[in-house]
Amino acid sequence: VEITGPPSSVTEQRGAGFKEAIESTDGMEIIASQSGDFSTET
């Protein structure tokens, strides 16, 4: 599961780096990805 930040360059870059890394293997799957708005409560 991936919990992202709100739309921004920070969110895009962190998400892209993570996907780039795990795509090197076929066994890793992101089954859900939603924004948590950089908030503990959200």
All heavy atoms as atom14 arrays in JSON, in Angstrom:
{
  "sequence": "VEITGPPSSVTEQRGAGFKEAIESTDGMEIIASQSGDFSTET",
  "atom14_mask": [
    [1, 1, 1, 1, 1, 1, 1, 0, 0, 0, 0, 0, 0, 0],
    [1, 1, 1, 1, 1, 1, 1, 1, 1, 0, 0, 0, 0, 0],
    [1, 1, 1, 1, 1, 1, 1, 1, 0, 0, 0, 0, 0, 0],
    [1, 1, 1, 1, 1, 1, 1, 0, 0, 0, 0, 0, 0, 0],
    [1, 1, 1, 1, 0, 0, 0, 0, 0, 0, 0, 0, 0, 0],
    [1, 1, 1, 1, 1, 1, 1, 0, 0, 0, 0, 0, 0, 0],
    [1, 1, 1, 1, 1, 1, 1, 0, 0, 0, 0, 0, 0, 0],
    [1, 1, 1, 1, 1, 1, 0, 0, 0, 0, 0, 0, 0, 0],
    [1, 1, 1, 1, 1, 1, 0, 0, 0, 0, 0, 0, 0, 0],
    [1, 1, 1, 1, 1, 1, 1, 0, 0, 0, 0, 0, 0, 0],
    [1, 1, 1, 1, 1, 1, 1, 0, 0, 0, 0, 0, 0, 0],
    [1, 1, 1, 1, 1, 1, 1, 1, 1, 0, 0, 0, 0, 0],
    [1, 1, 1, 1, 1, 1, 1, 1, 1, 0, 0, 0, 0, 0],
    [1, 1, 1, 1, 1, 1, 1, 1, 1, 1, 1, 0, 0, 0],
    [1, 1, 1, 1, 0, 0, 0, 0, 0, 0, 0, 0, 0, 0],
    [1, 1, 1, 1, 1, 0, 0, 0, 0, 0, 0, 0, 0, 0],
    [1, 1, 1, 1, 0, 0, 0, 0, 0, 0, 0, 0, 0, 0],
    [1, 1, 1, 1, 1, 1, 1, 1, 1, 1, 1, 0, 0, 0],
    [1, 1, 1, 1, 1, 1, 1, 1, 1, 0, 0, 0, 0, 0],
    [1, 1, 1, 1, 1, 1, 1, 1, 1, 0, 0, 0, 0, 0],
    [1, 1, 1, 1, 1, 0, 0, 0, 0, 0, 0, 0, 0, 0],
    [1, 1, 1, 1, 1, 1, 1, 1, 0, 0, 0, 0, 0, 0],
    [1, 1, 1, 1, 1, 1, 1, 1, 1, 0, 0, 0, 0, 0],
    [1, 1, 1, 1, 1, 1, 0, 0, 0, 0, 0, 0, 0, 0],
    [1, 1, 1, 1, 1, 1, 1, 0, 0, 0, 0, 0, 0, 0],
    [1, 1, 1, 1, 1, 1, 1, 1, 0, 0, 0, 0, 0, 0],
    [1, 1, 1, 1, 0, 0, 0, 0, 0, 0, 0, 0, 0, 0],
    [1, 1, 1, 1, 1, 1, 1, 1, 0, 0, 0, 0, 0, 0],
    [1, 1, 1, 1, 1, 1, 1, 1, 1, 0, 0, 0, 0, 0],
    [1, 1, 1, 1, 1, 1, 1, 1, 0, 0, 0, 0, 0, 0],
    [1, 1, 1, 1, 1, 1, 1, 1, 0, 0, 0, 0, 0, 0],
    [1, 1, 1, 1, 1, 0, 0, 0, 0, 0, 0, 0, 0, 0],
    [1, 1, 1, 1, 1, 1, 0, 0, 0, 0, 0, 0, 0, 0],
    [1, 1, 1, 1, 1, 1, 1, 1, 1, 0, 0, 0, 0, 0],
    [1, 1, 1, 1, 1, 1, 0, 0, 0, 0, 0, 0, 0, 0],
    [1, 1, 1, 1, 0, 0, 0, 0, 0, 0, 0, 0, 0, 0],
    [1, 1, 1, 1, 1, 1, 1, 1, 0, 0, 0, 0, 0, 0],
    [1, 1, 1, 1, 1, 1, 1, 1, 1, 1, 1, 0, 0, 0],
    [1, 1, 1, 1, 1, 1, 0, 0, 0, 0, 0, 0, 0, 0],
    [1, 1, 1, 1, 1, 1, 1, 0, 0, 0, 0, 0, 0, 0],
    [1, 1, 1, 1, 1, 1, 1, 1, 1, 0, 0, 0, 0, 0],
    [1, 1, 1, 1, 1, 1, 1, 0, 0, 0, 0, 0, 0, 0]
  ],
  "atom14_positions": [
    [[0.86, -1.18, 0.0], [0.0, 0.0, 0.0], [0.9, 1.23, 0.0], [1.89, 1.29, 0.72], [-0.93, 0.01, 1.23], [-1.58, 1.39, 1.41], [-2.01, -1.06, 1.1], [0.0, 0.0, 0.0], [0.0, 0.0, 0.0], [0.0, 0.0, 0.0], [0.0, 0.0, 0.0], [0.0, 0.0, 0.0], [0.0, 0.0, 0.0], [0.0, 0.0, 0.0]],
    [[0.53, 2.22, -0.82], [1.28, 3.47, -0.89], [0.4, 4.61, -0.41], [-0.72, 4.8, -0.91], [1.73, 3.74, -2.33], [2.45, 5.06, -2.52], [2.72, 5.37, -3.99], [1.83, 5.13, -4.82], [3.82, 5.88, -4.28], [0.0, 0.0, 0.0], [0.0, 0.0, 0.0], [0.0, 0.0, 0.0], [0.0, 0.0, 0.0], [0.0, 0.0, 0.0]],
    [[0.89, 5.37, 0.57], [0.19, 6.57, 1.05], [1.02, 7.77, 0.6], [2.15, 7.98, 1.06], [0.02, 6.57, 2.58], [-0.69, 5.28, 3.04], [-0.75, 7.81, 3.03], [-2.1, 5.12, 2.49], [0.0, 0.0, 0.0], [0.0, 0.0, 0.0], [0.0, 0.0, 0.0], [0.0, 0.0, 0.0], [0.0, 0.0, 0.0], [0.0, 0.0, 0.0]],
    [[0.47, 8.56, -0.3], [1.2, 9.66, -0.92], [0.85, 11.0, -0.28], [-0.08, 11.11, 0.53], [0.88, 9.75, -2.42], [-0.45, 10.3, -2.58], [0.94, 8.39, -3.09], [0.0, 0.0, 0.0], [0.0, 0.0, 0.0], [0.0, 0.0, 0.0], [0.0, 0.0, 0.0], [0.0, 0.0, 0.0], [0.0, 0.0, 0.0], [0.0, 0.0, 0.0]],
    [[1.6, 12.02, -0.67], [1.26, 13.39, -0.28], [0.26, 13.97, -1.27], [-0.17, 13.3, -2.22], [0.0, 0.0, 0.0], [0.0, 0.0, 0.0], [0.0, 0.0, 0.0], [0.0, 0.0, 0.0], [0.0, 0.0, 0.0], [0.0, 0.0, 0.0], [0.0, 0.0, 0.0], [0.0, 0.0, 0.0], [0.0, 0.0, 0.0], [0.0, 0.0, 0.0]],
    [[-0.12, 15.24, -1.11], [-1.01, 15.9, -2.05], [-0.28, 16.16, -3.37], [0.95, 16.05, -3.43], [-1.36, 17.21, -1.34], [-0.18, 17.46, -0.45], [0.32, 16.12, -0.01], [0.0, 0.0, 0.0], [0.0, 0.0, 0.0], [0.0, 0.0, 0.0], [0.0, 0.0, 0.0], [0.0, 0.0, 0.0], [0.0, 0.0, 0.0], [0.0, 0.0, 0.0]],
    [[-0.99, 16.5, -4.44], [-0.33, 16.74, -5.73], [0.75, 17.82, -5.62], [0.48, 18.96, -5.23], [-1.48, 17.22, -6.63], [-2.7, 16.6, -6.01], [-2.46, 16.61, -4.53], [0.0, 0.0, 0.0], [0.0, 0.0, 0.0], [0.0, 0.0, 0.0], [0.0, 0.0, 0.0], [0.0, 0.0, 0.0], [0.0, 0.0, 0.0], [0.0, 0.0, 0.0]],
    [[1.98, 17.46, -5.94], [3.11, 18.39, -5.87], [4.32, 17.7, -6.46], [4.33, 16.49, -6.68], [3.42, 18.79, -4.43], [3.93, 17.69, -3.7], [0.0, 0.0, 0.0], [0.0, 0.0, 0.0], [0.0, 0.0, 0.0], [0.0, 0.0, 0.0], [0.0, 0.0, 0.0], [0.0, 0.0, 0.0], [0.0, 0.0, 0.0], [0.0, 0.0, 0.0]],
    [[5.38, 18.47, -6.7], [6.61, 17.88, -7.23], [7.22, 16.92, -6.22], [7.8, 15.89, -6.6], [7.62, 18.99, -7.57], [7.94, 19.74, -6.42], [0.0, 0.0, 0.0], [0.0, 0.0, 0.0], [0.0, 0.0, 0.0], [0.0, 0.0, 0.0], [0.0, 0.0, 0.0], [0.0, 0.0, 0.0], [0.0, 0.0, 0.0], [0.0, 0.0, 0.0]],
    [[7.09, 17.22, -4.93], [7.62, 16.33, -3.89], [6.95, 14.97, -3.97], [7.61, 13.92, -3.98], [7.41, 16.96, -2.49], [7.74, 15.96, -1.39], [8.27, 18.21, -2.33], [0.0, 0.0, 0.0], [0.0, 0.0, 0.0], [0.0, 0.0, 0.0], [0.0, 0.0, 0.0], [0.0, 0.0, 0.0], [0.0, 0.0, 0.0], [0.0, 0.0, 0.0]],
    [[5.63, 14.97, -4.03], [4.86, 13.72, -4.11], [5.21, 12.95, -5.38], [5.43, 11.73, -5.33], [3.35, 14.03, -4.08], [3.03, 14.59, -2.8], [2.52, 12.78, -4.3], [0.0, 0.0, 0.0], [0.0, 0.0, 0.0], [0.0, 0.0, 0.0], [0.0, 0.0, 0.0], [0.0, 0.0, 0.0], [0.0, 0.0, 0.0], [0.0, 0.0, 0.0]],
    [[5.25, 13.65, -6.49], [5.55, 12.99, -7.76], [6.93, 12.35, -7.76], [7.11, 11.22, -8.22], [5.42, 14.0, -8.91], [3.98, 14.47, -9.15], [3.92, 15.68, -10.07], [4.98, 16.07, -10.6], [2.82, 16.22, -10.26], [0.0, 0.0, 0.0], [0.0, 0.0, 0.0], [0.0, 0.0, 0.0], [0.0, 0.0, 0.0], [0.0, 0.0, 0.0]],
    [[7.92, 13.07, -7.26], [9.29, 12.56, -7.27], [9.46, 11.37, -6.33], [10.12, 10.38, -6.68], [10.25, 13.69, -6.89], [10.38, 14.75, -7.96], [11.05, 16.02, -7.46], [11.58, 16.07, -6.34], [11.04, 17.06, -8.28], [0.0, 0.0, 0.0], [0.0, 0.0, 0.0], [0.0, 0.0, 0.0], [0.0, 0.0, 0.0], [0.0, 0.0, 0.0]],
    [[8.86, 11.44, -5.15], [8.98, 10.31, -4.22], [8.26, 9.07, -4.76], [8.78, 7.95, -4.66], [8.42, 10.69, -2.85], [9.25, 11.75, -2.15], [8.74, 12.11, -0.77], [9.53, 13.22, -0.22], [9.36, 13.75, 0.98], [8.41, 13.29, 1.8], [10.13, 14.74, 1.38], [0.0, 0.0, 0.0], [0.0, 0.0, 0.0], [0.0, 0.0, 0.0]],
    [[7.09, 9.28, -5.34], [6.35, 8.15, -5.9], [7.05, 7.54, -7.11], [7.12, 6.31, -7.24], [0.0, 0.0, 0.0], [0.0, 0.0, 0.0], [0.0, 0.0, 0.0], [0.0, 0.0, 0.0], [0.0, 0.0, 0.0], [0.0, 0.0, 0.0], [0.0, 0.0, 0.0], [0.0, 0.0, 0.0], [0.0, 0.0, 0.0], [0.0, 0.0, 0.0]],
    [[7.6, 8.4, -7.97], [8.29, 7.9, -9.16], [9.53, 7.1, -8.79], [9.82, 6.06, -9.39], [8.66, 9.07, -10.07], [0.0, 0.0, 0.0], [0.0, 0.0, 0.0], [0.0, 0.0, 0.0], [0.0, 0.0, 0.0], [0.0, 0.0, 0.0], [0.0, 0.0, 0.0], [0.0, 0.0, 0.0], [0.0, 0.0, 0.0], [0.0, 0.0, 0.0]],
    [[10.27, 7.58, -7.79], [11.46, 6.86, -7.36], [11.13, 5.5, -6.8], [11.83, 4.51, -7.08], [0.0, 0.0, 0.0], [0.0, 0.0, 0.0], [0.0, 0.0, 0.0], [0.0, 0.0, 0.0], [0.0, 0.0, 0.0], [0.0, 0.0, 0.0], [0.0, 0.0, 0.0], [0.0, 0.0, 0.0], [0.0, 0.0, 0.0], [0.0, 0.0, 0.0]],
    [[10.05, 5.43, -6.02], [9.65, 4.15, -5.43], [9.23, 3.16, -6.51], [9.66, 1.99, -6.51], [8.49, 4.38, -4.46], [8.05, 3.14, -3.72], [8.82, 2.63, -2.68], [6.87, 2.49, -4.07], [8.42, 1.5, -2.0], [6.47, 1.35, -3.39], [7.24, 0.85, -2.35], [0.0, 0.0, 0.0], [0.0, 0.0, 0.0], [0.0, 0.0, 0.0]],
    [[8.41, 3.62, -7.45], [7.95, 2.73, -8.53], [9.12, 2.27, -9.4], [9.19, 1.11, -9.83], [6.89, 3.43, -9.37], [5.57, 3.66, -8.65], [4.58, 4.4, -9.52], [3.24, 4.58, -8.82], [3.33, 5.48, -7.65], [0.0, 0.0, 0.0], [0.0, 0.0, 0.0], [0.0, 0.0, 0.0], [0.0, 0.0, 0.0], [0.0, 0.0, 0.0]],
    [[10.04, 3.16, -9.67], [11.22, 2.82, -10.46], [12.0, 1.68, -9.81], [12.46, 0.75, -10.48], [12.12, 4.05, -10.6], [13.44, 3.79, -11.32], [14.37, 4.99, -11.25], [13.88, 6.13, -11.19], [15.6, 4.78, -11.24], [0.0, 0.0, 0.0], [0.0, 0.0, 0.0], [0.0, 0.0, 0.0], [0.0, 0.0, 0.0], [0.0, 0.0, 0.0]],
    [[12.13, 1.74, -8.48], [12.9, 0.73, -7.77], [12.19, -0.62, -7.76], [12.8, -1.66, -8.06], [13.17, 1.18, -6.34], [0.0, 0.0, 0.0], [0.0, 0.0, 0.0], [0.0, 0.0, 0.0], [0.0, 0.0, 0.0], [0.0, 0.0, 0.0], [0.0, 0.0, 0.0], [0.0, 0.0, 0.0], [0.0, 0.0, 0.0], [0.0, 0.0, 0.0]],
    [[10.9, -0.64, -7.44], [10.23, -1.94, -7.3], [9.9, -2.58, -8.65], [9.65, -3.78, -8.72], [8.95, -1.84, -6.44], [7.88, -0.98, -7.14], [9.27, -1.31, -5.06], [6.52, -1.03, -6.45], [0.0, 0.0, 0.0], [0.0, 0.0, 0.0], [0.0, 0.0, 0.0], [0.0, 0.0, 0.0], [0.0, 0.0, 0.0], [0.0, 0.0, 0.0]],
    [[9.93, -1.79, -9.73], [9.69, -2.36, -11.06], [10.85, -3.23, -11.53], [10.74, -3.92, -12.55], [9.43, -1.24, -12.07], [8.02, -0.65, -11.95], [7.81, 0.56, -12.83], [8.78, 0.98, -13.52], [6.69, 1.11, -12.83], [0.0, 0.0, 0.0], [0.0, 0.0, 0.0], [0.0, 0.0, 0.0], [0.0, 0.0, 0.0], [0.0, 0.0, 0.0]],
    [[11.95, -3.23, -10.79], [13.08, -4.08, -11.14], [12.82, -5.54, -10.8], [13.59, -6.42, -11.18], [14.34, -3.61, -10.4], [14.2, -3.76, -9.0], [0.0, 0.0, 0.0], [0.0, 0.0, 0.0], [0.0, 0.0, 0.0], [0.0, 0.0, 0.0], [0.0, 0.0, 0.0], [0.0, 0.0, 0.0], [0.0, 0.0, 0.0], [0.0, 0.0, 0.0]],
    [[11.73, -5.8, -10.09], [11.33, -7.18, -9.8], [9.86, -7.37, -10.14], [9.07, -6.42, -10.04], [11.57, -7.52, -8.31], [11.11, -8.83, -8.04], [10.83, -6.56, -7.4], [0.0, 0.0, 0.0], [0.0, 0.0, 0.0], [0.0, 0.0, 0.0], [0.0, 0.0, 0.0], [0.0, 0.0, 0.0], [0.0, 0.0, 0.0], [0.0, 0.0, 0.0]],
    [[9.48, -8.55, -10.55], [8.1, -8.8, -10.98], [7.16, -9.13, -9.83], [5.94, -9.18, -10.03], [8.06, -9.96, -12.01], [8.79, -9.61, -13.29], [8.82, -8.41, -13.64], [9.34, -10.54, -13.94], [0.0, 0.0, 0.0], [0.0, 0.0, 0.0], [0.0, 0.0, 0.0], [0.0, 0.0, 0.0], [0.0, 0.0, 0.0], [0.0, 0.0, 0.0]],
    [[7.71, -9.37, -8.65], [6.87, -9.87, -7.56], [6.28, -8.8, -6.66], [5.56, -9.12, -5.71], [0.0, 0.0, 0.0], [0.0, 0.0, 0.0], [0.0, 0.0, 0.0], [0.0, 0.0, 0.0], [0.0, 0.0, 0.0], [0.0, 0.0, 0.0], [0.0, 0.0, 0.0], [0.0, 0.0, 0.0], [0.0, 0.0, 0.0], [0.0, 0.0, 0.0]],
    [[6.55, -7.53, -6.94], [6.07, -6.45, -6.08], [4.86, -5.77, -6.73], [4.91, -5.4, -7.9], [7.17, -5.41, -5.84], [8.5, -6.0, -5.42], [8.55, -6.52, -3.71], [8.73, -4.95, -2.9], [0.0, 0.0, 0.0], [0.0, 0.0, 0.0], [0.0, 0.0, 0.0], [0.0, 0.0, 0.0], [0.0, 0.0, 0.0], [0.0, 0.0, 0.0]],
    [[3.8, -5.58, -5.96], [2.57, -5.0, -6.5], [2.0, -3.95, -5.55], [1.82, -4.22, -4.36], [1.53, -6.11, -6.7], [0.2, -5.61, -7.24], [-0.87, -6.68, -7.27], [-0.61, -7.81, -6.78], [-1.98, -6.39, -7.76], [0.0, 0.0, 0.0], [0.0, 0.0, 0.0], [0.0, 0.0, 0.0], [0.0, 0.0, 0.0], [0.0, 0.0, 0.0]],
    [[1.74, -2.76, -6.09], [1.06, -1.73, -5.3], [-0.44, -1.95, -5.46], [-1.0, -1.72, -6.54], [1.46, -0.31, -5.77], [2.95, -0.08, -5.56], [0.65, 0.74, -5.01], [3.45, 1.25, -6.08], [0.0, 0.0, 0.0], [0.0, 0.0, 0.0], [0.0, 0.0, 0.0], [0.0, 0.0, 0.0], [0.0, 0.0, 0.0], [0.0, 0.0, 0.0]],
    [[-1.08, -2.44, -4.43], [-2.5, -2.81, -4.52], [-3.42, -1.64, -4.19], [-4.62, -1.69, -4.49], [-2.82, -4.0, -3.61], [-2.46, -3.69, -2.15], [-2.08, -5.26, -4.09], [-2.9, -4.77, -1.16], [0.0, 0.0, 0.0], [0.0, 0.0, 0.0], [0.0, 0.0, 0.0], [0.0, 0.0, 0.0], [0.0, 0.0, 0.0], [0.0, 0.0, 0.0]],
    [[-2.91, -0.6, -3.57], [-3.7, 0.6, -3.28], [-2.76, 1.79, -3.11], [-1.69, 1.65, -2.5], [-4.53, 0.41, -2.01], [0.0, 0.0, 0.0], [0.0, 0.0, 0.0], [0.0, 0.0, 0.0], [0.0, 0.0, 0.0], [0.0, 0.0, 0.0], [0.0, 0.0, 0.0], [0.0, 0.0, 0.0], [0.0, 0.0, 0.0], [0.0, 0.0, 0.0]],
    [[-3.17, 2.93, -3.65], [-2.37, 4.16, -3.52], [-3.33, 5.33, -3.34], [-4.15, 5.62, -4.22], [-1.52, 4.37, -4.78], [-0.78, 5.57, -4.67], [0.0, 0.0, 0.0], [0.0, 0.0, 0.0], [0.0, 0.0, 0.0], [0.0, 0.0, 0.0], [0.0, 0.0, 0.0], [0.0, 0.0, 0.0], [0.0, 0.0, 0.0], [0.0, 0.0, 0.0]],
    [[-3.25, 5.98, -2.18], [-4.13, 7.11, -1.9], [-3.35, 8.21, -1.19], [-2.34, 7.95, -0.53], [-5.31, 6.68, -1.03], [-6.3, 5.77, -1.74], [-7.58, 5.56, -0.93], [-8.04, 6.47, -0.24], [-8.14, 4.37, -1.02], [0.0, 0.0, 0.0], [0.0, 0.0, 0.0], [0.0, 0.0, 0.0], [0.0, 0.0, 0.0], [0.0, 0.0, 0.0]],
    [[-3.86, 9.43, -1.3], [-3.19, 10.57, -0.66], [-3.59, 10.69, 0.8], [-4.78, 10.6, 1.14], [-3.56, 11.87, -1.38], [-3.06, 12.99, -0.66], [0.0, 0.0, 0.0], [0.0, 0.0, 0.0], [0.0, 0.0, 0.0], [0.0, 0.0, 0.0], [0.0, 0.0, 0.0], [0.0, 0.0, 0.0], [0.0, 0.0, 0.0], [0.0, 0.0, 0.0]],
    [[-2.59, 10.91, 1.63], [-2.83, 11.2, 3.03], [-2.59, 12.66, 3.35], [-2.61, 13.06, 4.53], [0.0, 0.0, 0.0], [0.0, 0.0, 0.0], [0.0, 0.0, 0.0], [0.0, 0.0, 0.0], [0.0, 0.0, 0.0], [0.0, 0.0, 0.0], [0.0, 0.0, 0.0], [0.0, 0.0, 0.0], [0.0, 0.0, 0.0], [0.0, 0.0, 0.0]],
    [[-2.35, 13.48, 2.31], [-2.22, 14.94, 2.44], [-1.13, 15.38, 3.41], [-1.21, 16.46, 3.99], [-3.55, 15.56, 2.87], [-4.55, 15.59, 1.75], [-4.13, 15.63, 0.57], [-5.77, 15.55, 2.03], [0.0, 0.0, 0.0], [0.0, 0.0, 0.0], [0.0, 0.0, 0.0], [0.0, 0.0, 0.0], [0.0, 0.0, 0.0], [0.0, 0.0, 0.0]],
    [[-0.1, 14.54, 3.61], [0.96, 14.85, 4.58], [0.36, 15.15, 5.95], [0.87, 15.99, 6.7], [1.82, 16.02, 4.1], [2.75, 15.66, 2.97], [3.1, 16.62, 2.02], [3.27, 14.39, 2.83], [3.96, 16.29, 0.97], [4.12, 14.06, 1.79], [4.46, 15.01, 0.86], [0.0, 0.0, 0.0], [0.0, 0.0, 0.0], [0.0, 0.0, 0.0]],
    [[-0.72, 14.44, 6.3], [-1.43, 14.67, 7.55], [-1.59, 13.34, 8.29], [-2.01, 12.33, 7.71], [-2.81, 15.27, 7.27], [-3.69, 15.08, 8.36], [0.0, 0.0, 0.0], [0.0, 0.0, 0.0], [0.0, 0.0, 0.0], [0.0, 0.0, 0.0], [0.0, 0.0, 0.0], [0.0, 0.0, 0.0], [0.0, 0.0, 0.0], [0.0, 0.0, 0.0]],
    [[-1.28, 13.33, 9.57], [-1.46, 12.13, 10.4], [-2.93, 11.74, 10.46], [-3.29, 10.56, 10.31], [-0.92, 12.38, 11.82], [0.48, 12.69, 11.74], [-1.11, 11.15, 12.7], [0.0, 0.0, 0.0], [0.0, 0.0, 0.0], [0.0, 0.0, 0.0], [0.0, 0.0, 0.0], [0.0, 0.0, 0.0], [0.0, 0.0, 0.0], [0.0, 0.0, 0.0]],
    [[-3.8, 12.73, 10.67], [-5.23, 12.46, 10.81], [-5.83, 11.94, 9.52], [-6.59, 10.96, 9.52], [-5.96, 13.72, 11.27], [-5.6, 14.21, 12.66], [-4.24, 14.91, 12.72], [-3.7, 15.28, 11.65], [-3.71, 15.06, 13.84], [0.0, 0.0, 0.0], [0.0, 0.0, 0.0], [0.0, 0.0, 0.0], [0.0, 0.0, 0.0], [0.0, 0.0, 0.0]],
    [[-5.5, 12.58, 8.4], [-6.03, 12.14, 7.1], [-5.53, 10.74, 6.77], [-6.29, 9.89, 6.27], [-5.62, 13.12, 5.98], [-6.1, 14.42, 6.29], [-6.19, 12.67, 4.64], [0.0, 0.0, 0.0], [0.0, 0.0, 0.0], [0.0, 0.0, 0.0], [0.0, 0.0, 0.0], [0.0, 0.0, 0.0], [0.0, 0.0, 0.0], [0.0, 0.0, 0.0]]
  ]
}
